[in-house]
Amino acid sequence: MANVADDFQTRWWALEEKLMNHFGKKPDVEAILFLIGLQETGFIREKISKEQKQDLMHVAVCKILSSSGYYLLEGKDEEGWPHFKQTKNMPVMDLIEQEAFLKDHILLYFENNQF
């Protein structure tokens, strides 16, 4: 019987492969969060500053963690950027656990959005 970690890793590799086929290179977690941020904001510019990139990734983290109740969408500002409120504290995790936690929520995001 396959364990949960194997299934998780298989699903993660499948997502990476789909994204690689779509964009031509294998994305890391930060790149995937950036893509989710672009998707959620519709913020498309030729030049994106480092600060804007960080803002897009922050939107992505809030969005993906809202499915587990960590954040709640409060609304959008006049520029269309979503604003979230943290509703519960994040669990204490080491870096490996944090990455797995984010990856799990990224997978859920893509499953919920029929990617």
PDB file of N, CA and C in Angstrom:
ATOM      1  N   MET A   1       0.843  -1.198   0.000  1.00  0.00           N
ATOM      2  CA  MET A   1       0.000   0.000   0.000  1.00  0.00           C
ATOM      3  C   MET A   1       0.882   1.254   0.000  1.00  0.00           C
ATOM      4  N   ALA A   2       0.601   2.167  -0.889  1.00  0.00           N
ATOM      5  CA  ALA A   2       1.390   3.403  -0.977  1.00  0.00           C
ATOM      6  C   ALA A   2       1.092   4.289   0.228  1.00  0.00           C
ATOM      7  N   ASN A   3       2.105   4.960   0.698  1.00  0.00           N
ATOM      8  CA  ASN A   3       1.840   5.853   1.834  1.00  0.00           C
ATOM      9  C   ASN A   3       1.517   7.264   1.340  1.00  0.00           C
ATOM     10  N   VAL A   4       1.076   8.076   2.270  1.00  0.00           N
ATOM     11  CA  VAL A   4       0.629   9.436   1.949  1.00  0.00           C
ATOM     12  C   VAL A   4       1.774  10.264   1.356  1.00  0.00           C
ATOM     13  N   ALA A   5       2.987  10.091   1.883  1.00  0.00           N
ATOM     14  CA  ALA A   5       4.137  10.864   1.385  1.00  0.00           C
ATOM     15  C   ALA A   5       4.412  10.543  -0.084  1.00  0.00           C
ATOM     16  N   ASP A   6       4.300   9.263  -0.463  1.00  0.00           N
ATOM     17  CA  ASP A   6       4.516   8.885  -1.865  1.00  0.00           C
ATOM     18  C   ASP A   6       3.470   9.529  -2.763  1.00  0.00           C
ATOM     19  N   ASP A   7       2.208   9.493  -2.337  1.00  0.00           N
ATOM     20  CA  ASP A   7       1.124  10.091  -3.117  1.00  0.00           C
ATOM     21  C   ASP A   7       1.342  11.597  -3.251  1.00  0.00           C
ATOM     22  N   PHE A   8       1.710  12.237  -2.156  1.00  0.00           N
ATOM     23  CA  PHE A   8       1.978  13.676  -2.155  1.00  0.00           C
ATOM     24  C   PHE A   8       3.096  14.003  -3.151  1.00  0.00           C
ATOM     25  N   GLN A   9       4.197  13.244  -3.084  1.00  0.00           N
ATOM     26  CA  GLN A   9       5.342  13.497  -3.961  1.00  0.00           C
ATOM     27  C   GLN A   9       4.958  13.266  -5.422  1.00  0.00           C
ATOM     28  N   THR A  10       4.199  12.224  -5.685  1.00  0.00           N
ATOM     29  CA  THR A  10       3.751  11.927  -7.050  1.00  0.00           C
ATOM     30  C   THR A  10       2.885  13.061  -7.584  1.00  0.00           C
ATOM     31  N   ARG A  11       1.973  13.561  -6.772  1.00  0.00           N
ATOM     32  CA  ARG A  11       1.104  14.671  -7.176  1.00  0.00           C
ATOM     33  C   ARG A  11       1.924  15.935  -7.407  1.00  0.00           C
ATOM     34  N   TRP A  12       2.923  16.183  -6.547  1.00  0.00           N
ATOM     35  CA  TRP A  12       3.776  17.367  -6.696  1.00  0.00           C
ATOM     36  C   TRP A  12       4.557  17.288  -8.005  1.00  0.00           C
ATOM     37  N   TRP A  13       5.153  16.114  -8.295  1.00  0.00           N
ATOM     38  CA  TRP A  13       5.924  15.954  -9.531  1.00  0.00           C
ATOM     39  C   TRP A  13       5.027  16.132 -10.746  1.00  0.00           C
ATOM     40  N   ALA A  14       3.793  15.648 -10.657  1.00  0.00           N
ATOM     41  CA  ALA A  14       2.853  15.790 -11.780  1.00  0.00           C
ATOM     42  C   ALA A  14       2.545  17.269 -12.027  1.00  0.00           C
ATOM     43  N   LEU A  15       2.355  18.039 -10.945  1.00  0.00           N
ATOM     44  CA  LEU A  15       2.101  19.480 -11.084  1.00  0.00           C
ATOM     45  C   LEU A  15       3.319  20.168 -11.694  1.00  0.00           C
ATOM     46  N   GLU A  16       4.510  19.849 -11.189  1.00  0.00           N
ATOM     47  CA  GLU A  16       5.736  20.441 -11.739  1.00  0.00           C
ATOM     48  C   GLU A  16       5.850  20.146 -13.237  1.00  0.00           C
ATOM     49  N   GLU A  17       5.541  18.923 -13.625  1.00  0.00           N
ATOM     50  CA  GLU A  17       5.646  18.543 -15.030  1.00  0.00           C
ATOM     51  C   GLU A  17       4.651  19.324 -15.891  1.00  0.00           C
ATOM     52  N   LYS A  18       3.412  19.470 -15.401  1.00  0.00           N
ATOM     53  CA  LYS A  18       2.415  20.254 -16.149  1.00  0.00           C
ATOM     54  C   LYS A  18       2.885  21.691 -16.330  1.00  0.00           C
ATOM     55  N   LEU A  19       3.399  22.280 -15.261  1.00  0.00           N
ATOM     56  CA  LEU A  19       3.872  23.665 -15.328  1.00  0.00           C
ATOM     57  C   LEU A  19       5.097  23.777 -16.232  1.00  0.00           C
ATOM     58  N   MET A  20       5.976  22.790 -16.158  1.00  0.00           N
ATOM     59  CA  MET A  20       7.168  22.794 -17.003  1.00  0.00           C
ATOM     60  C   MET A  20       6.764  22.705 -18.477  1.00  0.00           C
ATOM     61  N   ASN A  21       5.790  21.860 -18.785  1.00  0.00           N
ATOM     62  CA  ASN A  21       5.323  21.734 -20.168  1.00  0.00           C
ATOM     63  C   ASN A  21       4.684  23.036 -20.648  1.00  0.00           C
ATOM     64  N   HIS A  22       4.020  23.732 -19.727  1.00  0.00           N
ATOM     65  CA  HIS A  22       3.333  24.979 -20.078  1.00  0.00           C
ATOM     66  C   HIS A  22       4.314  26.147 -20.237  1.00  0.00           C
ATOM     67  N   PHE A  23       5.303  26.235 -19.342  1.00  0.00           N
ATOM     68  CA  PHE A  23       6.200  27.404 -19.316  1.00  0.00           C
ATOM     69  C   PHE A  23       7.606  27.137 -19.840  1.00  0.00           C
ATOM     70  N   GLY A  24       7.942  25.869 -20.094  1.00  0.00           N
ATOM     71  CA  GLY A  24       9.229  25.564 -20.675  1.00  0.00           C
ATOM     72  C   GLY A  24      10.373  25.398 -19.698  1.00  0.00           C
ATOM     73  N   LYS A  25      10.118  25.584 -18.407  1.00  0.00           N
ATOM     74  CA  LYS A  25      11.147  25.286 -17.419  1.00  0.00           C
ATOM     75  C   LYS A  25      10.490  24.894 -16.102  1.00  0.00           C
ATOM     76  N   LYS A  26      11.230  24.130 -15.313  1.00  0.00           N
ATOM     77  CA  LYS A  26      10.689  23.608 -14.054  1.00  0.00           C
ATOM     78  C   LYS A  26      10.628  24.720 -13.014  1.00  0.00           C
ATOM     79  N   PRO A  27       9.442  25.007 -12.493  1.00  0.00           N
ATOM     80  CA  PRO A  27       9.303  26.089 -11.504  1.00  0.00           C
ATOM     81  C   PRO A  27       9.607  25.593 -10.085  1.00  0.00           C
ATOM     82  N   ASP A  28      10.172  26.484  -9.275  1.00  0.00           N
ATOM     83  CA  ASP A  28      10.316  26.160  -7.857  1.00  0.00           C
ATOM     84  C   ASP A  28       9.074  26.680  -7.124  1.00  0.00           C
ATOM     85  N   VAL A  29       9.026  26.466  -5.821  1.00  0.00           N
ATOM     86  CA  VAL A  29       7.853  26.863  -5.033  1.00  0.00           C
ATOM     87  C   VAL A  29       7.598  28.370  -5.157  1.00  0.00           C
ATOM     88  N   GLU A  30       8.669  29.165  -5.117  1.00  0.00           N
ATOM     89  CA  GLU A  30       8.502  30.622  -5.234  1.00  0.00           C
ATOM     90  C   GLU A  30       7.893  31.007  -6.576  1.00  0.00           C
ATOM     91  N   ALA A  31       8.351  30.372  -7.644  1.00  0.00           N
ATOM     92  CA  ALA A  31       7.815  30.677  -8.978  1.00  0.00           C
ATOM     93  C   ALA A  31       6.332  30.298  -9.053  1.00  0.00           C
ATOM     94  N   ILE A  32       5.976  29.177  -8.449  1.00  0.00           N
ATOM     95  CA  ILE A  32       4.573  28.746  -8.464  1.00  0.00           C
ATOM     96  C   ILE A  32       3.712  29.728  -7.660  1.00  0.00           C
ATOM     97  N   LEU A  33       4.230  30.174  -6.514  1.00  0.00           N
ATOM     98  CA  LEU A  33       3.488  31.172  -5.719  1.00  0.00           C
ATOM     99  C   LEU A  33       3.324  32.465  -6.525  1.00  0.00           C
ATOM    100  N   PHE A  34       4.366  32.862  -7.238  1.00  0.00           N
ATOM    101  CA  PHE A  34       4.310  34.054  -8.083  1.00  0.00           C
ATOM    102  C   PHE A  34       3.202  33.896  -9.133  1.00  0.00           C
ATOM    103  N   LEU A  35       3.142  32.730  -9.774  1.00  0.00           N
ATOM    104  CA  LEU A  35       2.092  32.460 -10.773  1.00  0.00           C
ATOM    105  C   LEU A  35       0.690  32.528 -10.163  1.00  0.00           C
ATOM    106  N   ILE A  36       0.544  31.964  -8.969  1.00  0.00           N
ATOM    107  CA  ILE A  36      -0.760  32.014  -8.286  1.00  0.00           C
ATOM    108  C   ILE A  36      -1.121  33.469  -7.983  1.00  0.00           C
ATOM    109  N   GLY A  37      -0.135  34.251  -7.540  1.00  0.00           N
ATOM    110  CA  GLY A  37      -0.367  35.668  -7.266  1.00  0.00           C
ATOM    111  C   GLY A  37      -0.828  36.409  -8.510  1.00  0.00           C
ATOM    112  N   LEU A  38      -0.182  36.117  -9.649  1.00  0.00           N
ATOM    113  CA  LEU A  38      -0.599  36.729 -10.913  1.00  0.00           C
ATOM    114  C   LEU A  38      -2.029  36.327 -11.257  1.00  0.00           C
ATOM    115  N   GLN A  39      -2.328  35.042 -11.066  1.00  0.00           N
ATOM    116  CA  GLN A  39      -3.667  34.521 -11.368  1.00  0.00           C
ATOM    117  C   GLN A  39      -4.722  35.208 -10.503  1.00  0.00           C
ATOM    118  N   GLU A  40      -4.422  35.377  -9.232  1.00  0.00           N
ATOM    119  CA  GLU A  40      -5.403  35.923  -8.288  1.00  0.00           C
ATOM    120  C   GLU A  40      -5.600  37.430  -8.416  1.00  0.00           C
ATOM    121  N   THR A  41      -4.588  38.141  -8.909  1.00  0.00           N
ATOM    122  CA  THR A  41      -4.689  39.603  -8.987  1.00  0.00           C
ATOM    123  C   THR A  41      -4.968  40.096 -10.398  1.00  0.00           C
ATOM    124  N   GLY A  42      -4.612  39.295 -11.390  1.00  0.00           N
ATOM    125  CA  GLY A  42      -4.709  39.757 -12.769  1.00  0.00           C
ATOM    126  C   GLY A  42      -3.674  40.825 -13.069  1.00  0.00           C
ATOM    127  N   PHE A  43      -2.658  40.930 -12.202  1.00  0.00           N
ATOM    128  CA  PHE A  43      -1.614  41.958 -12.320  1.00  0.00           C
ATOM    129  C   PHE A  43      -0.610  41.521 -13.377  1.00  0.00           C
ATOM    130  N   ILE A  44      -0.772  42.023 -14.581  1.00  0.00           N
ATOM    131  CA  ILE A  44       0.129  41.673 -15.670  1.00  0.00           C
ATOM    132  C   ILE A  44       0.837  42.939 -16.135  1.00  0.00           C
ATOM    133  N   ARG A  45       2.141  42.958 -15.971  1.00  0.00           N
ATOM    134  CA  ARG A  45       2.967  44.085 -16.389  1.00  0.00           C
ATOM    135  C   ARG A  45       4.200  43.530 -17.089  1.00  0.00           C
ATOM    136  N   GLU A  46       4.792  44.342 -17.957  1.00  0.00           N
ATOM    137  CA  GLU A  46       6.031  43.914 -18.605  1.00  0.00           C
ATOM    138  C   GLU A  46       7.169  43.879 -17.598  1.00  0.00           C
ATOM    139  N   LYS A  47       7.232  44.894 -16.745  1.00  0.00           N
ATOM    140  CA  LYS A  47       8.257  44.959 -15.697  1.00  0.00           C
ATOM    141  C   LYS A  47       7.569  44.883 -14.340  1.00  0.00           C
ATOM    142  N   ILE A  48       8.022  43.948 -13.512  1.00  0.00           N
ATOM    143  CA  ILE A  48       7.468  43.800 -12.165  1.00  0.00           C
ATOM    144  C   ILE A  48       8.625  43.974 -11.186  1.00  0.00           C
ATOM    145  N   SER A  49       8.461  44.909 -10.270  1.00  0.00           N
ATOM    146  CA  SER A  49       9.525  45.181  -9.300  1.00  0.00           C
ATOM    147  C   SER A  49       9.637  44.034  -8.297  1.00  0.00           C
ATOM    148  N   LYS A  50      10.753  44.020  -7.586  1.00  0.00           N
ATOM    149  CA  LYS A  50      10.969  43.000  -6.551  1.00  0.00           C
ATOM    150  C   LYS A  50       9.872  43.101  -5.490  1.00  0.00           C
ATOM    151  N   GLU A  51       9.504  44.322  -5.134  1.00  0.00           N
ATOM    152  CA  GLU A  51       8.455  44.534  -4.127  1.00  0.00           C
ATOM    153  C   GLU A  51       7.104  44.003  -4.630  1.00  0.00           C
ATOM    154  N   GLN A  52       6.786  44.278  -5.892  1.00  0.00           N
ATOM    155  CA  GLN A  52       5.525  43.782  -6.466  1.00  0.00           C
ATOM    156  C   GLN A  52       5.523  42.255  -6.513  1.00  0.00           C
ATOM    157  N   LYS A  53       6.687  41.671  -6.844  1.00  0.00           N
ATOM    158  CA  LYS A  53       6.801  40.212  -6.874  1.00  0.00           C
ATOM    159  C   LYS A  53       6.542  39.647  -5.479  1.00  0.00           C
ATOM    160  N   GLN A  54       7.105  40.284  -4.456  1.00  0.00           N
ATOM    161  CA  GLN A  54       6.870  39.850  -3.078  1.00  0.00           C
ATOM    162  C   GLN A  54       5.394  39.994  -2.705  1.00  0.00           C
ATOM    163  N   ASP A  55       4.772  41.091  -3.141  1.00  0.00           N
ATOM    164  CA  ASP A  55       3.344  41.304  -2.868  1.00  0.00           C
ATOM    165  C   ASP A  55       2.504  40.214  -3.527  1.00  0.00           C
ATOM    166  N   LEU A  56       2.845  39.859  -4.769  1.00  0.00           N
ATOM    167  CA  LEU A  56       2.119  38.812  -5.488  1.00  0.00           C
ATOM    168  C   LEU A  56       2.260  37.464  -4.775  1.00  0.00           C
ATOM    169  N   MET A  57       3.458  37.173  -4.292  1.00  0.00           N
ATOM    170  CA  MET A  57       3.679  35.921  -3.573  1.00  0.00           C
ATOM    171  C   MET A  57       2.933  35.920  -2.239  1.00  0.00           C
ATOM    172  N   HIS A  58       2.854  37.076  -1.595  1.00  0.00           N
ATOM    173  CA  HIS A  58       2.094  37.197  -0.342  1.00  0.00           C
ATOM    174  C   HIS A  58       0.608  36.925  -0.597  1.00  0.00           C
ATOM    175  N   VAL A  59       0.066  37.490  -1.667  1.00  0.00           N
ATOM    176  CA  VAL A  59      -1.335  37.243  -2.042  1.00  0.00           C
ATOM    177  C   VAL A  59      -1.539  35.746  -2.246  1.00  0.00           C
ATOM    178  N   ALA A  60      -0.585  35.111  -2.937  1.00  0.00           N
ATOM    179  CA  ALA A  60      -0.691  33.677  -3.205  1.00  0.00           C
ATOM    180  C   ALA A  60      -0.708  32.864  -1.921  1.00  0.00           C
ATOM    181  N   VAL A  61       0.197  33.182  -0.996  1.00  0.00           N
ATOM    182  CA  VAL A  61       0.253  32.449   0.275  1.00  0.00           C
ATOM    183  C   VAL A  61      -1.066  32.614   1.034  1.00  0.00           C
ATOM    184  N   CYS A  62      -1.554  33.846   1.100  1.00  0.00           N
ATOM    185  CA  CYS A  62      -2.837  34.091   1.782  1.00  0.00           C
ATOM    186  C   CYS A  62      -3.961  33.305   1.108  1.00  0.00           C
ATOM    187  N   LYS A  63      -3.987  33.331  -0.223  1.00  0.00           N
ATOM    188  CA  LYS A  63      -5.029  32.640  -0.979  1.00  0.00           C
ATOM    189  C   LYS A  63      -4.988  31.137  -0.739  1.00  0.00           C
ATOM    190  N   ILE A  64      -3.806  30.532  -0.882  1.00  0.00           N
ATOM    191  CA  ILE A  64      -3.745  29.074  -0.728  1.00  0.00           C
ATOM    192  C   ILE A  64      -4.021  28.640   0.712  1.00  0.00           C
ATOM    193  N   LEU A  65      -3.615  29.459   1.695  1.00  0.00           N
ATOM    194  CA  LEU A  65      -3.849  29.089   3.093  1.00  0.00           C
ATOM    195  C   LEU A  65      -5.260  29.432   3.558  1.00  0.00           C
ATOM    196  N   SER A  66      -5.992  30.214   2.757  1.00  0.00           N
ATOM    197  CA  SER A  66      -7.382  30.520   3.121  1.00  0.00           C
ATOM    198  C   SER A  66      -8.249  29.258   3.036  1.00  0.00           C
ATOM    199  N   SER A  67      -7.832  28.280   2.206  1.00  0.00           N
ATOM    200  CA  SER A  67      -8.605  27.035   2.100  1.00  0.00           C
ATOM    201  C   SER A  67      -8.589  26.238   3.401  1.00  0.00           C
ATOM    202  N   SER A  68      -7.590  26.488   4.251  1.00  0.00           N
ATOM    203  CA  SER A  68      -7.518  25.826   5.560  1.00  0.00           C
ATOM    204  C   SER A  68      -7.904  26.761   6.699  1.00  0.00           C
ATOM    205  N   GLY A  69      -8.439  27.926   6.351  1.00  0.00           N
ATOM    206  CA  GLY A  69      -8.931  28.845   7.375  1.00  0.00           C
ATOM    207  C   GLY A  69      -7.890  29.708   8.048  1.00  0.00           C
ATOM    208  N   TYR A  70      -6.682  29.787   7.506  1.00  0.00           N
ATOM    209  CA  TYR A  70      -5.650  30.642   8.110  1.00  0.00           C
ATOM    210  C   TYR A  70      -5.842  32.106   7.737  1.00  0.00           C
ATOM    211  N   TYR A  71      -6.428  32.343   6.564  1.00  0.00           N
ATOM    212  CA  TYR A  71      -6.686  33.706   6.100  1.00  0.00           C
ATOM    213  C   TYR A  71      -8.104  33.800   5.570  1.00  0.00           C
ATOM    214  N   LEU A  72      -8.648  35.008   5.637  1.00  0.00           N
ATOM    215  CA  LEU A  72      -9.979  35.280   5.125  1.00  0.00           C
ATOM    216  C   LEU A  72      -9.882  36.482   4.189  1.00  0.00           C
ATOM    217  N   LEU A  73     -10.453  36.340   2.996  1.00  0.00           N
ATOM    218  CA  LEU A  73     -10.458  37.458   2.054  1.00  0.00           C
ATOM    219  C   LEU A  73     -11.395  38.541   2.583  1.00  0.00           C
ATOM    220  N   GLU A  74     -10.845  39.732   2.806  1.00  0.00           N
ATOM    221  CA  GLU A  74     -11.656  40.849   3.304  1.00  0.00           C
ATOM    222  C   GLU A  74     -12.276  41.646   2.167  1.00  0.00           C
ATOM    223  N   GLY A  75     -11.629  41.623   1.014  1.00  0.00           N
ATOM    224  CA  GLY A  75     -12.125  42.381  -0.125  1.00  0.00           C
ATOM    225  C   GLY A  75     -10.967  42.800  -0.992  1.00  0.00           C
ATOM    226  N   LYS A  76     -11.274  43.618  -1.980  1.00  0.00           N
ATOM    227  CA  LYS A  76     -10.236  44.108  -2.881  1.00  0.00           C
ATOM    228  C   LYS A  76     -10.151  45.623  -2.784  1.00  0.00           C
ATOM    229  N   ASP A  77      -8.934  46.144  -3.004  1.00  0.00           N
ATOM    230  CA  ASP A  77      -8.768  47.600  -2.977  1.00  0.00           C
ATOM    231  C   ASP A  77      -9.141  48.192  -4.335  1.00  0.00           C
ATOM    232  N   GLU A  78      -8.952  49.508  -4.465  1.00  0.00           N
ATOM    233  CA  GLU A  78      -9.368  50.201  -5.687  1.00  0.00           C
ATOM    234  C   GLU A  78      -8.586  49.738  -6.922  1.00  0.00           C
ATOM    235  N   GLU A  79      -7.407  49.147  -6.704  1.00  0.00           N
ATOM    236  CA  GLU A  79      -6.611  48.629  -7.824  1.00  0.00           C
ATOM    237  C   GLU A  79      -6.913  47.161  -8.114  1.00  0.00           C
ATOM    238  N   GLY A  80      -7.840  46.576  -7.344  1.00  0.00           N
ATOM    239  CA  GLY A  80      -8.216  45.187  -7.575  1.00  0.00           C
ATOM    240  C   GLY A  80      -7.377  44.154  -6.832  1.00  0.00           C
ATOM    241  N   TRP A  81      -6.487  44.620  -5.955  1.00  0.00           N
ATOM    242  CA  TRP A  81      -5.657  43.683  -5.190  1.00  0.00           C
ATOM    243  C   TRP A  81      -6.456  43.132  -4.014  1.00  0.00           C
ATOM    244  N   PRO A  82      -6.438  41.808  -3.838  1.00  0.00           N
ATOM    245  CA  PRO A  82      -7.162  41.221  -2.698  1.00  0.00           C
ATOM    246  C   PRO A  82      -6.443  41.517  -1.385  1.00  0.00           C
ATOM    247  N   HIS A  83      -7.237  41.693  -0.341  1.00  0.00           N
ATOM    248  CA  HIS A  83      -6.683  41.901   1.002  1.00  0.00           C
ATOM    249  C   HIS A  83      -7.242  40.833   1.920  1.00  0.00           C
ATOM    250  N   PHE A  84      -6.329  40.202   2.659  1.00  0.00           N
ATOM    251  CA  PHE A  84      -6.677  39.094   3.532  1.00  0.00           C
ATOM    252  C   PHE A  84      -6.424  39.459   4.985  1.00  0.00           C
ATOM    253  N   LYS A  85      -7.177  38.817   5.862  1.00  0.00           N
ATOM    254  CA  LYS A  85      -6.977  38.958   7.304  1.00  0.00           C
ATOM    255  C   LYS A  85      -6.574  37.588   7.829  1.00  0.00           C
ATOM    256  N   GLN A  86      -5.513  37.549   8.639  1.00  0.00           N
ATOM    257  CA  GLN A  86      -5.116  36.277   9.243  1.00  0.00           C
ATOM    258  C   GLN A  86      -6.127  35.920  10.318  1.00  0.00           C
ATOM    259  N   THR A  87      -6.655  34.699  10.274  1.00  0.00           N
ATOM    260  CA  THR A  87      -7.715  34.299  11.196  1.00  0.00           C
ATOM    261  C   THR A  87      -7.240  33.317  12.261  1.00  0.00           C
ATOM    262  N   LYS A  88      -6.122  32.648  12.013  1.00  0.00           N
ATOM    263  CA  LYS A  88      -5.530  31.793  13.043  1.00  0.00           C
ATOM    264  C   LYS A  88      -4.034  31.706  12.819  1.00  0.00           C
ATOM    265  N   ASN A  89      -3.319  31.403  13.902  1.00  0.00           N
ATOM    266  CA  ASN A  89      -1.861  31.334  13.836  1.00  0.00           C
ATOM    267  C   ASN A  89      -1.404  30.102  13.065  1.00  0.00           C
ATOM    268  N   MET A  90      -0.282  30.273  12.388  1.00  0.00           N
ATOM    269  CA  MET A  90       0.323  29.165  11.660  1.00  0.00           C
ATOM    270  C   MET A  90       0.921  28.190  12.668  1.00  0.00           C
ATOM    271  N   PRO A  91       0.886  26.899  12.346  1.00  0.00           N
ATOM    272  CA  PRO A  91       1.552  25.934  13.227  1.00  0.00           C
ATOM    273  C   PRO A  91       3.065  26.161  13.207  1.00  0.00           C
ATOM    274  N   VAL A  92       3.718  25.826  14.298  1.00  0.00           N
ATOM    275  CA  VAL A  92       5.178  25.948  14.369  1.00  0.00           C
ATOM    276  C   VAL A  92       5.770  24.781  13.590  1.00  0.00           C
ATOM    277  N   MET A  93       6.619  25.115  12.604  1.00  0.00           N
ATOM    278  CA  MET A  93       7.205  24.088  11.747  1.00  0.00           C
ATOM    279  C   MET A  93       8.642  24.441  11.417  1.00  0.00           C
ATOM    280  N   ASP A  94       9.441  23.412  11.126  1.00  0.00           N
ATOM    281  CA  ASP A  94      10.784  23.677  10.616  1.00  0.00           C
ATOM    282  C   ASP A  94      10.674  23.951   9.113  1.00  0.00           C
ATOM    283  N   LEU A  95      11.797  24.259   8.478  1.00  0.00           N
ATOM    284  CA  LEU A  95      11.764  24.647   7.061  1.00  0.00           C
ATOM    285  C   LEU A  95      11.225  23.543   6.147  1.00  0.00           C
ATOM    286  N   ILE A  96      11.611  22.309   6.415  1.00  0.00           N
ATOM    287  CA  ILE A  96      11.145  21.174   5.596  1.00  0.00           C
ATOM    288  C   ILE A  96       9.622  21.040   5.721  1.00  0.00           C
ATOM    289  N   GLU A  97       9.127  21.126   6.949  1.00  0.00           N
ATOM    290  CA  GLU A  97       7.679  21.024   7.188  1.00  0.00           C
ATOM    291  C   GLU A  97       6.939  22.205   6.552  1.00  0.00           C
ATOM    292  N   GLN A  98       7.530  23.406   6.634  1.00  0.00           N
ATOM    293  CA  GLN A  98       6.901  24.580   6.019  1.00  0.00           C
ATOM    294  C   GLN A  98       6.758  24.395   4.515  1.00  0.00           C
ATOM    295  N   GLU A  99       7.808  23.875   3.878  1.00  0.00           N
ATOM    296  CA  GLU A  99       7.754  23.682   2.434  1.00  0.00           C
ATOM    297  C   GLU A  99       6.684  22.652   2.068  1.00  0.00           C
ATOM    298  N   ALA A 100       6.612  21.556   2.816  1.00  0.00           N
ATOM    299  CA  ALA A 100       5.604  20.520   2.558  1.00  0.00           C
ATOM    300  C   ALA A 100       4.195  21.084   2.772  1.00  0.00           C
ATOM    301  N   PHE A 101       4.044  21.910   3.807  1.00  0.00           N
ATOM    302  CA  PHE A 101       2.757  22.545   4.119  1.00  0.00           C
ATOM    303  C   PHE A 101       2.316  23.433   2.955  1.00  0.00           C
ATOM    304  N   LEU A 102       3.249  24.251   2.449  1.00  0.00           N
ATOM    305  CA  LEU A 102       2.947  25.120   1.300  1.00  0.00           C
ATOM    306  C   LEU A 102       2.637  24.298   0.050  1.00  0.00           C
ATOM    307  N   LYS A 103       3.464  23.287  -0.214  1.00  0.00           N
ATOM    308  CA  LYS A 103       3.248  22.448  -1.396  1.00  0.00           C
ATOM    309  C   LYS A 103       1.879  21.780  -1.347  1.00  0.00           C
ATOM    310  N   ASP A 104       1.491  21.295  -0.173  1.00  0.00           N
ATOM    311  CA  ASP A 104       0.190  20.647  -0.010  1.00  0.00           C
ATOM    312  C   ASP A 104      -0.938  21.629  -0.355  1.00  0.00           C
ATOM    313  N   HIS A 105      -0.813  22.862   0.107  1.00  0.00           N
ATOM    314  CA  HIS A 105      -1.830  23.881  -0.180  1.00  0.00           C
ATOM    315  C   HIS A 105      -1.794  24.320  -1.646  1.00  0.00           C
ATOM    316  N   ILE A 106      -0.600  24.331  -2.248  1.00  0.00           N
ATOM    317  CA  ILE A 106      -0.489  24.645  -3.672  1.00  0.00           C
ATOM    318  C   ILE A 106      -1.214  23.573  -4.492  1.00  0.00           C
ATOM    319  N   LEU A 107      -0.989  22.307  -4.146  1.00  0.00           N
ATOM    320  CA  LEU A 107      -1.670  21.207  -4.850  1.00  0.00           C
ATOM    321  C   LEU A 107      -3.187  21.352  -4.733  1.00  0.00           C
ATOM    322  N   LEU A 108      -3.651  21.670  -3.533  1.00  0.00           N
ATOM    323  CA  LEU A 108      -5.085  21.853  -3.310  1.00  0.00           C
ATOM    324  C   LEU A 108      -5.621  23.007  -4.163  1.00  0.00           C
ATOM    325  N   TYR A 109      -4.862  24.090  -4.227  1.00  0.00           N
ATOM    326  CA  TYR A 109      -5.260  25.240  -5.048  1.00  0.00           C
ATOM    327  C   TYR A 109      -5.449  24.824  -6.502  1.00  0.00           C
ATOM    328  N   PHE A 110      -4.456  24.115  -7.054  1.00  0.00           N
ATOM    329  CA  PHE A 110      -4.542  23.713  -8.461  1.00  0.00           C
ATOM    330  C   PHE A 110      -5.659  22.692  -8.687  1.00  0.00           C
ATOM    331  N   GLU A 111      -5.888  21.802  -7.717  1.00  0.00           N
ATOM    332  CA  GLU A 111      -6.994  20.844  -7.842  1.00  0.00           C
ATOM    333  C   GLU A 111      -8.330  21.576  -7.821  1.00  0.00           C
ATOM    334  N   ASN A 112      -8.448  22.555  -6.933  1.00  0.00           N
ATOM    335  CA  ASN A 112      -9.704  23.319  -6.828  1.00  0.00           C
ATOM    336  C   ASN A 112      -9.961  24.203  -8.042  1.00  0.00           C
ATOM    337  N   ASN A 113      -8.883  24.543  -8.754  1.00  0.00           N
ATOM    338  CA  ASN A 113      -9.020  25.401  -9.940  1.00  0.00           C
ATOM    339  C   ASN A 113      -8.891  24.606 -11.239  1.00  0.00           C
ATOM    340  N   GLN A 114      -9.072  23.298 -11.159  1.00  0.00           N
ATOM    341  CA  GLN A 114      -9.074  22.401 -12.323  1.00  0.00           C
ATOM    342  C   GLN A 114      -7.898  22.630 -13.265  1.00  0.00           C
ATOM    343  N   PHE A 115      -6.695  22.702 -12.709  1.00  0.00           N
ATOM    344  CA  PHE A 115      -5.532  22.881 -13.586  1.00  0.00           C
ATOM    345  C   PHE A 115      -5.109  21.531 -14.136  1.00  0.00           C
TER     346      PHE A 115
END
